[in-house]
Amino acid sequence: MSHPDEEYRLLVEKWGAAKVRKMAQSGHYDAEMRRPLLAWIAEKNAKRSRMRQLVLITSLVVFFVALFIMFLEAGKIGPAHHS
């Protein structure tokens, strides 16, 4: 028999996480399998959420750095101030 994590991964890939979660919550799997299956899906969702959060923060930082550089360049191009 294969490792349980591998079985859960294959189920999720075949049916999709939302469908597997719904089926598990509806009692389609026995309790022995349901608990680790839902825990595995939750772990995967948490990793995905952290990755999305990291991408969003990185994108915002890059955007604001680029905006700052644009303002600096715009200041150099503007009319020269003579004192």
PDB file of N, CA and C in Angstrom:
ATOM      1  N   MET A   1       0.841  -1.183   0.000  1.00  0.00           N
ATOM      2  CA  MET A   1       0.000   0.000   0.000  1.00  0.00           C
ATOM      3  C   MET A   1       0.884   1.245   0.000  1.00  0.00           C
ATOM      4  N   SER A   2       0.465   2.267  -0.738  1.00  0.00           N
ATOM      5  CA  SER A   2       1.271   3.483  -0.815  1.00  0.00           C
ATOM      6  C   SER A   2       1.103   4.322   0.437  1.00  0.00           C
ATOM      7  N   HIS A   3       1.949   5.295   0.569  1.00  0.00           N
ATOM      8  CA  HIS A   3       1.922   6.205   1.717  1.00  0.00           C
ATOM      9  C   HIS A   3       0.615   7.005   1.700  1.00  0.00           C
ATOM     10  N   PRO A   4      -0.021   7.204   2.866  1.00  0.00           N
ATOM     11  CA  PRO A   4      -1.306   7.924   2.901  1.00  0.00           C
ATOM     12  C   PRO A   4      -1.259   9.312   2.269  1.00  0.00           C
ATOM     13  N   ASP A   5      -0.157  10.064   2.469  1.00  0.00           N
ATOM     14  CA  ASP A   5      -0.054  11.392   1.864  1.00  0.00           C
ATOM     15  C   ASP A   5      -0.163  11.314   0.346  1.00  0.00           C
ATOM     16  N   GLU A   6       0.426  10.283  -0.215  1.00  0.00           N
ATOM     17  CA  GLU A   6       0.370  10.092  -1.664  1.00  0.00           C
ATOM     18  C   GLU A   6      -1.069   9.807  -2.109  1.00  0.00           C
ATOM     19  N   GLU A   7      -1.784   9.002  -1.340  1.00  0.00           N
ATOM     20  CA  GLU A   7      -3.184   8.706  -1.662  1.00  0.00           C
ATOM     21  C   GLU A   7      -4.021   9.978  -1.622  1.00  0.00           C
ATOM     22  N   TYR A   8      -3.810  10.803  -0.591  1.00  0.00           N
ATOM     23  CA  TYR A   8      -4.578  12.043  -0.461  1.00  0.00           C
ATOM     24  C   TYR A   8      -4.264  12.988  -1.620  1.00  0.00           C
ATOM     25  N   ARG A   9      -2.997  13.073  -1.959  1.00  0.00           N
ATOM     26  CA  ARG A   9      -2.596  13.949  -3.067  1.00  0.00           C
ATOM     27  C   ARG A   9      -3.255  13.499  -4.372  1.00  0.00           C
ATOM     28  N   LEU A  10      -3.255  12.197  -4.603  1.00  0.00           N
ATOM     29  CA  LEU A  10      -3.869  11.671  -5.819  1.00  0.00           C
ATOM     30  C   LEU A  10      -5.378  11.925  -5.845  1.00  0.00           C
ATOM     31  N   LEU A  11      -6.040  11.746  -4.701  1.00  0.00           N
ATOM     32  CA  LEU A  11      -7.477  12.028  -4.624  1.00  0.00           C
ATOM     33  C   LEU A  11      -7.766  13.492  -4.936  1.00  0.00           C
ATOM     34  N   VAL A  12      -6.998  14.364  -4.319  1.00  0.00           N
ATOM     35  CA  VAL A  12      -7.209  15.799  -4.511  1.00  0.00           C
ATOM     36  C   VAL A  12      -6.941  16.187  -5.962  1.00  0.00           C
ATOM     37  N   GLU A  13      -5.883  15.625  -6.555  1.00  0.00           N
ATOM     38  CA  GLU A  13      -5.585  15.935  -7.956  1.00  0.00           C
ATOM     39  C   GLU A  13      -6.688  15.425  -8.879  1.00  0.00           C
ATOM     40  N   LYS A  14      -7.215  14.246  -8.561  1.00  0.00           N
ATOM     41  CA  LYS A  14      -8.242  13.648  -9.419  1.00  0.00           C
ATOM     42  C   LYS A  14      -9.579  14.388  -9.308  1.00  0.00           C
ATOM     43  N   TRP A  15     -10.014  14.684  -8.102  1.00  0.00           N
ATOM     44  CA  TRP A  15     -11.338  15.261  -7.877  1.00  0.00           C
ATOM     45  C   TRP A  15     -11.331  16.767  -7.638  1.00  0.00           C
ATOM     46  N   GLY A  16     -10.213  17.300  -7.228  1.00  0.00           N
ATOM     47  CA  GLY A  16     -10.147  18.709  -6.856  1.00  0.00           C
ATOM     48  C   GLY A  16     -10.376  18.864  -5.366  1.00  0.00           C
ATOM     49  N   ALA A  17      -9.653  19.780  -4.743  1.00  0.00           N
ATOM     50  CA  ALA A  17      -9.694  19.951  -3.286  1.00  0.00           C
ATOM     51  C   ALA A  17     -11.096  20.273  -2.788  1.00  0.00           C
ATOM     52  N   ALA A  18     -11.811  21.147  -3.492  1.00  0.00           N
ATOM     53  CA  ALA A  18     -13.152  21.547  -3.036  1.00  0.00           C
ATOM     54  C   ALA A  18     -14.103  20.354  -3.018  1.00  0.00           C
ATOM     55  N   LYS A  19     -14.040  19.535  -4.074  1.00  0.00           N
ATOM     56  CA  LYS A  19     -14.946  18.379  -4.140  1.00  0.00           C
ATOM     57  C   LYS A  19     -14.591  17.343  -3.073  1.00  0.00           C
ATOM     58  N   VAL A  20     -13.289  17.089  -2.891  1.00  0.00           N
ATOM     59  CA  VAL A  20     -12.866  16.114  -1.882  1.00  0.00           C
ATOM     60  C   VAL A  20     -13.265  16.600  -0.490  1.00  0.00           C
ATOM     61  N   ARG A  21     -13.073  17.906  -0.214  1.00  0.00           N
ATOM     62  CA  ARG A  21     -13.456  18.458   1.092  1.00  0.00           C
ATOM     63  C   ARG A  21     -14.953  18.300   1.306  1.00  0.00           C
ATOM     64  N   LYS A  22     -15.734  18.613   0.289  1.00  0.00           N
ATOM     65  CA  LYS A  22     -17.199  18.505   0.402  1.00  0.00           C
ATOM     66  C   LYS A  22     -17.618  17.055   0.636  1.00  0.00           C
ATOM     67  N   MET A  23     -17.002  16.138  -0.082  1.00  0.00           N
ATOM     68  CA  MET A  23     -17.332  14.720   0.080  1.00  0.00           C
ATOM     69  C   MET A  23     -16.943  14.231   1.472  1.00  0.00           C
ATOM     70  N   ALA A  24     -15.780  14.680   1.978  1.00  0.00           N
ATOM     71  CA  ALA A  24     -15.331  14.259   3.304  1.00  0.00           C
ATOM     72  C   ALA A  24     -16.267  14.812   4.377  1.00  0.00           C
ATOM     73  N   GLN A  25     -16.679  16.057   4.226  1.00  0.00           N
ATOM     74  CA  GLN A  25     -17.569  16.663   5.212  1.00  0.00           C
ATOM     75  C   GLN A  25     -18.966  16.041   5.160  1.00  0.00           C
ATOM     76  N   SER A  26     -19.330  15.483   4.017  1.00  0.00           N
ATOM     77  CA  SER A  26     -20.633  14.837   3.876  1.00  0.00           C
ATOM     78  C   SER A  26     -20.607  13.380   4.331  1.00  0.00           C
ATOM     79  N   GLY A  27     -19.427  12.905   4.748  1.00  0.00           N
ATOM     80  CA  GLY A  27     -19.331  11.550   5.267  1.00  0.00           C
ATOM     81  C   GLY A  27     -19.016  10.486   4.232  1.00  0.00           C
ATOM     82  N   HIS A  28     -18.489  10.867   3.077  1.00  0.00           N
ATOM     83  CA  HIS A  28     -18.176   9.888   2.043  1.00  0.00           C
ATOM     84  C   HIS A  28     -16.944   9.039   2.365  1.00  0.00           C
ATOM     85  N   TYR A  29     -16.090   9.524   3.237  1.00  0.00           N
ATOM     86  CA  TYR A  29     -14.903   8.767   3.631  1.00  0.00           C
ATOM     87  C   TYR A  29     -15.059   8.365   5.096  1.00  0.00           C
ATOM     88  N   ASP A  30     -14.431   7.254   5.462  1.00  0.00           N
ATOM     89  CA  ASP A  30     -14.517   6.857   6.871  1.00  0.00           C
ATOM     90  C   ASP A  30     -13.682   7.814   7.726  1.00  0.00           C
ATOM     91  N   ALA A  31     -13.970   7.853   9.015  1.00  0.00           N
ATOM     92  CA  ALA A  31     -13.327   8.811   9.920  1.00  0.00           C
ATOM     93  C   ALA A  31     -11.814   8.659   9.923  1.00  0.00           C
ATOM     94  N   GLU A  32     -11.344   7.434   9.762  1.00  0.00           N
ATOM     95  CA  GLU A  32      -9.908   7.175   9.763  1.00  0.00           C
ATOM     96  C   GLU A  32      -9.208   7.904   8.614  1.00  0.00           C
ATOM     97  N   MET A  33      -9.894   8.023   7.506  1.00  0.00           N
ATOM     98  CA  MET A  33      -9.315   8.690   6.342  1.00  0.00           C
ATOM     99  C   MET A  33      -9.703  10.163   6.292  1.00  0.00           C
ATOM    100  N   ARG A  34     -10.887  10.499   6.773  1.00  0.00           N
ATOM    101  CA  ARG A  34     -11.418  11.861   6.667  1.00  0.00           C
ATOM    102  C   ARG A  34     -10.544  12.884   7.378  1.00  0.00           C
ATOM    103  N   ARG A  35     -10.188  12.588   8.617  1.00  0.00           N
ATOM    104  CA  ARG A  35      -9.423  13.555   9.434  1.00  0.00           C
ATOM    105  C   ARG A  35      -8.082  13.901   8.783  1.00  0.00           C
ATOM    106  N   PRO A  36      -7.240  12.910   8.434  1.00  0.00           N
ATOM    107  CA  PRO A  36      -5.956  13.275   7.811  1.00  0.00           C
ATOM    108  C   PRO A  36      -6.131  13.893   6.422  1.00  0.00           C
ATOM    109  N   LEU A  37      -7.170  13.487   5.712  1.00  0.00           N
ATOM    110  CA  LEU A  37      -7.412  14.049   4.382  1.00  0.00           C
ATOM    111  C   LEU A  37      -7.739  15.533   4.491  1.00  0.00           C
ATOM    112  N   LEU A  38      -8.636  15.885   5.402  1.00  0.00           N
ATOM    113  CA  LEU A  38      -8.990  17.298   5.596  1.00  0.00           C
ATOM    114  C   LEU A  38      -7.804  18.089   6.139  1.00  0.00           C
ATOM    115  N   ALA A  39      -7.005  17.471   6.999  1.00  0.00           N
ATOM    116  CA  ALA A  39      -5.805  18.143   7.524  1.00  0.00           C
ATOM    117  C   ALA A  39      -4.812  18.400   6.399  1.00  0.00           C
ATOM    118  N   TRP A  40      -4.661  17.430   5.500  1.00  0.00           N
ATOM    119  CA  TRP A  40      -3.741  17.584   4.373  1.00  0.00           C
ATOM    120  C   TRP A  40      -4.213  18.711   3.459  1.00  0.00           C
ATOM    121  N   ILE A  41      -5.515  18.770   3.170  1.00  0.00           N
ATOM    122  CA  ILE A  41      -6.059  19.838   2.320  1.00  0.00           C
ATOM    123  C   ILE A  41      -5.858  21.197   3.001  1.00  0.00           C
ATOM    124  N   ALA A  42      -6.108  21.271   4.297  1.00  0.00           N
ATOM    125  CA  ALA A  42      -5.926  22.530   5.035  1.00  0.00           C
ATOM    126  C   ALA A  42      -4.472  22.979   4.997  1.00  0.00           C
ATOM    127  N   GLU A  43      -3.560  22.036   5.121  1.00  0.00           N
ATOM    128  CA  GLU A  43      -2.131  22.367   5.062  1.00  0.00           C
ATOM    129  C   GLU A  43      -1.763  22.921   3.685  1.00  0.00           C
ATOM    130  N   LYS A  44      -2.263  22.289   2.647  1.00  0.00           N
ATOM    131  CA  LYS A  44      -1.986  22.759   1.289  1.00  0.00           C
ATOM    132  C   LYS A  44      -2.576  24.151   1.068  1.00  0.00           C
ATOM    133  N   ASN A  45      -3.794  24.381   1.568  1.00  0.00           N
ATOM    134  CA  ASN A  45      -4.425  25.695   1.429  1.00  0.00           C
ATOM    135  C   ASN A  45      -3.640  26.757   2.186  1.00  0.00           C
ATOM    136  N   ALA A  46      -3.116  26.413   3.363  1.00  0.00           N
ATOM    137  CA  ALA A  46      -2.331  27.366   4.146  1.00  0.00           C
ATOM    138  C   ALA A  46      -1.050  27.737   3.410  1.00  0.00           C
ATOM    139  N   LYS A  47      -0.402  26.747   2.814  1.00  0.00           N
ATOM    140  CA  LYS A  47       0.815  27.023   2.039  1.00  0.00           C
ATOM    141  C   LYS A  47       0.496  27.924   0.855  1.00  0.00           C
ATOM    142  N   ARG A  48      -0.609  27.657   0.184  1.00  0.00           N
ATOM    143  CA  ARG A  48      -1.014  28.464  -0.963  1.00  0.00           C
ATOM    144  C   ARG A  48      -1.321  29.899  -0.521  1.00  0.00           C
ATOM    145  N   SER A  49      -1.978  30.049   0.622  1.00  0.00           N
ATOM    146  CA  SER A  49      -2.298  31.389   1.137  1.00  0.00           C
ATOM    147  C   SER A  49      -1.031  32.161   1.479  1.00  0.00           C
ATOM    148  N   ARG A  50      -0.072  31.486   2.109  1.00  0.00           N
ATOM    149  CA  ARG A  50       1.192  32.156   2.441  1.00  0.00           C
ATOM    150  C   ARG A  50       1.909  32.577   1.172  1.00  0.00           C
ATOM    151  N   MET A  51       1.884  31.731   0.150  1.00  0.00           N
ATOM    152  CA  MET A  51       2.553  32.061  -1.111  1.00  0.00           C
ATOM    153  C   MET A  51       1.873  33.257  -1.775  1.00  0.00           C
ATOM    154  N   ARG A  52       0.541  33.282  -1.783  1.00  0.00           N
ATOM    155  CA  ARG A  52      -0.178  34.417  -2.356  1.00  0.00           C
ATOM    156  C   ARG A  52       0.141  35.696  -1.604  1.00  0.00           C
ATOM    157  N   GLN A  53       0.206  35.612  -0.276  1.00  0.00           N
ATOM    158  CA  GLN A  53       0.522  36.781   0.533  1.00  0.00           C
ATOM    159  C   GLN A  53       1.935  37.280   0.215  1.00  0.00           C
ATOM    160  N   LEU A  54       2.882  36.378   0.082  1.00  0.00           N
ATOM    161  CA  LEU A  54       4.249  36.752  -0.251  1.00  0.00           C
ATOM    162  C   LEU A  54       4.318  37.421  -1.622  1.00  0.00           C
ATOM    163  N   VAL A  55       3.611  36.868  -2.597  1.00  0.00           N
ATOM    164  CA  VAL A  55       3.595  37.449  -3.939  1.00  0.00           C
ATOM    165  C   VAL A  55       2.970  38.844  -3.910  1.00  0.00           C
ATOM    166  N   LEU A  56       1.891  39.014  -3.174  1.00  0.00           N
ATOM    167  CA  LEU A  56       1.230  40.314  -3.081  1.00  0.00           C
ATOM    168  C   LEU A  56       2.159  41.348  -2.442  1.00  0.00           C
ATOM    169  N   ILE A  57       2.794  41.001  -1.341  1.00  0.00           N
ATOM    170  CA  ILE A  57       3.697  41.936  -0.666  1.00  0.00           C
ATOM    171  C   ILE A  57       4.875  42.291  -1.567  1.00  0.00           C
ATOM    172  N   THR A  58       5.452  41.296  -2.222  1.00  0.00           N
ATOM    173  CA  THR A  58       6.575  41.540  -3.125  1.00  0.00           C
ATOM    174  C   THR A  58       6.164  42.449  -4.274  1.00  0.00           C
ATOM    175  N   SER A  59       4.984  42.202  -4.834  1.00  0.00           N
ATOM    176  CA  SER A  59       4.485  43.036  -5.932  1.00  0.00           C
ATOM    177  C   SER A  59       4.293  44.479  -5.488  1.00  0.00           C
ATOM    178  N   LEU A  60       3.735  44.663  -4.300  1.00  0.00           N
ATOM    179  CA  LEU A  60       3.543  46.026  -3.794  1.00  0.00           C
ATOM    180  C   LEU A  60       4.866  46.740  -3.568  1.00  0.00           C
ATOM    181  N   VAL A  61       5.838  46.038  -3.016  1.00  0.00           N
ATOM    182  CA  VAL A  61       7.154  46.638  -2.795  1.00  0.00           C
ATOM    183  C   VAL A  61       7.779  47.044  -4.122  1.00  0.00           C
ATOM    184  N   VAL A  62       7.749  46.163  -5.112  1.00  0.00           N
ATOM    185  CA  VAL A  62       8.316  46.474  -6.429  1.00  0.00           C
ATOM    186  C   VAL A  62       7.575  47.653  -7.053  1.00  0.00           C
ATOM    187  N   PHE A  63       6.260  47.685  -6.943  1.00  0.00           N
ATOM    188  CA  PHE A  63       5.462  48.784  -7.494  1.00  0.00           C
ATOM    189  C   PHE A  63       5.868  50.116  -6.870  1.00  0.00           C
ATOM    190  N   PHE A  64       5.960  50.167  -5.533  1.00  0.00           N
ATOM    191  CA  PHE A  64       6.285  51.425  -4.877  1.00  0.00           C
ATOM    192  C   PHE A  64       7.728  51.849  -5.122  1.00  0.00           C
ATOM    193  N   VAL A  65       8.646  50.910  -5.236  1.00  0.00           N
ATOM    194  CA  VAL A  65      10.034  51.250  -5.580  1.00  0.00           C
ATOM    195  C   VAL A  65      10.079  51.832  -6.991  1.00  0.00           C
ATOM    196  N   ALA A  66       9.362  51.209  -7.925  1.00  0.00           N
ATOM    197  CA  ALA A  66       9.324  51.721  -9.300  1.00  0.00           C
ATOM    198  C   ALA A  66       8.685  53.109  -9.336  1.00  0.00           C
ATOM    199  N   LEU A  67       7.627  53.309  -8.591  1.00  0.00           N
ATOM    200  CA  LEU A  67       6.963  54.611  -8.526  1.00  0.00           C
ATOM    201  C   LEU A  67       7.919  55.664  -7.951  1.00  0.00           C
ATOM    202  N   PHE A  68       8.650  55.313  -6.912  1.00  0.00           N
ATOM    203  CA  PHE A  68       9.617  56.227  -6.306  1.00  0.00           C
ATOM    204  C   PHE A  68      10.694  56.619  -7.312  1.00  0.00           C
ATOM    205  N   ILE A  69      11.201  55.629  -8.045  1.00  0.00           N
ATOM    206  CA  ILE A  69      12.233  55.893  -9.058  1.00  0.00           C
ATOM    207  C   ILE A  69      11.678  56.788 -10.155  1.00  0.00           C
ATOM    208  N   MET A  70      10.438  56.555 -10.562  1.00  0.00           N
ATOM    209  CA  MET A  70       9.820  57.406 -11.586  1.00  0.00           C
ATOM    210  C   MET A  70       9.733  58.849 -11.103  1.00  0.00           C
ATOM    211  N   PHE A  71       9.356  59.055  -9.848  1.00  0.00           N
ATOM    212  CA  PHE A  71       9.276  60.416  -9.308  1.00  0.00           C
ATOM    213  C   PHE A  71      10.657  61.061  -9.240  1.00  0.00           C
ATOM    214  N   LEU A  72      11.668  60.288  -8.882  1.00  0.00           N
ATOM    215  CA  LEU A  72      13.026  60.832  -8.857  1.00  0.00           C
ATOM    216  C   LEU A  72      13.475  61.258 -10.247  1.00  0.00           C
ATOM    217  N   GLU A  73      13.193  60.405 -11.237  1.00  0.00           N
ATOM    218  CA  GLU A  73      13.569  60.720 -12.616  1.00  0.00           C
ATOM    219  C   GLU A  73      12.783  61.924 -13.134  1.00  0.00           C
ATOM    220  N   ALA A  74      11.513  61.994 -12.774  1.00  0.00           N
ATOM    221  CA  ALA A  74      10.684  63.129 -13.208  1.00  0.00           C
ATOM    222  C   ALA A  74      11.229  64.433 -12.623  1.00  0.00           C
ATOM    223  N   GLY A  75      11.749  64.390 -11.415  1.00  0.00           N
ATOM    224  CA  GLY A  75      12.332  65.563 -10.781  1.00  0.00           C
ATOM    225  C   GLY A  75      13.585  66.036 -11.488  1.00  0.00           C
ATOM    226  N   LYS A  76      14.369  65.104 -12.020  1.00  0.00           N
ATOM    227  CA  LYS A  76      15.605  65.456 -12.747  1.00  0.00           C
ATOM    228  C   LYS A  76      15.290  66.079 -14.100  1.00  0.00           C
ATOM    229  N   ILE A  77      14.216  65.650 -14.738  1.00  0.00           N
ATOM    230  CA  ILE A  77      13.877  66.088 -16.096  1.00  0.00           C
ATOM    231  C   ILE A  77      13.222  67.457 -16.081  1.00  0.00           C
ATOM    232  N   GLY A  78      12.581  67.801 -14.992  1.00  0.00           N
ATOM    233  CA  GLY A  78      11.833  69.070 -14.898  1.00  0.00           C
ATOM    234  C   GLY A  78      12.742  70.281 -15.109  1.00  0.00           C
ATOM    235  N   PRO A  79      12.139  71.471 -15.141  1.00  0.00           N
ATOM    236  CA  PRO A  79      12.914  72.686 -15.368  1.00  0.00           C
ATOM    237  C   PRO A  79      13.919  72.905 -14.231  1.00  0.00           C
ATOM    238  N   ALA A  80      15.095  73.396 -14.627  1.00  0.00           N
ATOM    239  CA  ALA A  80      16.160  73.627 -13.641  1.00  0.00           C
ATOM    240  C   ALA A  80      15.830  74.865 -12.832  1.00  0.00           C
ATOM    241  N   HIS A  81      16.046  74.769 -11.542  1.00  0.00           N
ATOM    242  CA  HIS A  81      15.817  75.904 -10.653  1.00  0.00           C
ATOM    243  C   HIS A  81      17.121  76.663 -10.459  1.00  0.00           C
ATOM    244  N   HIS A  82      17.100  77.944 -10.763  1.00  0.00           N
ATOM    245  CA  HIS A  82      18.295  78.758 -10.572  1.00  0.00           C
ATOM    246  C   HIS A  82      18.148  79.581  -9.321  1.00  0.00           C
ATOM    247  N   SER A  83      19.215  79.637  -8.527  1.00  0.00           N
ATOM    248  CA  SER A  83      19.123  80.465  -7.333  1.00  0.00           C
ATOM    249  C   SER A  83      19.848  81.762  -7.482  1.00  0.00           C
TER     250      SER A  83
END
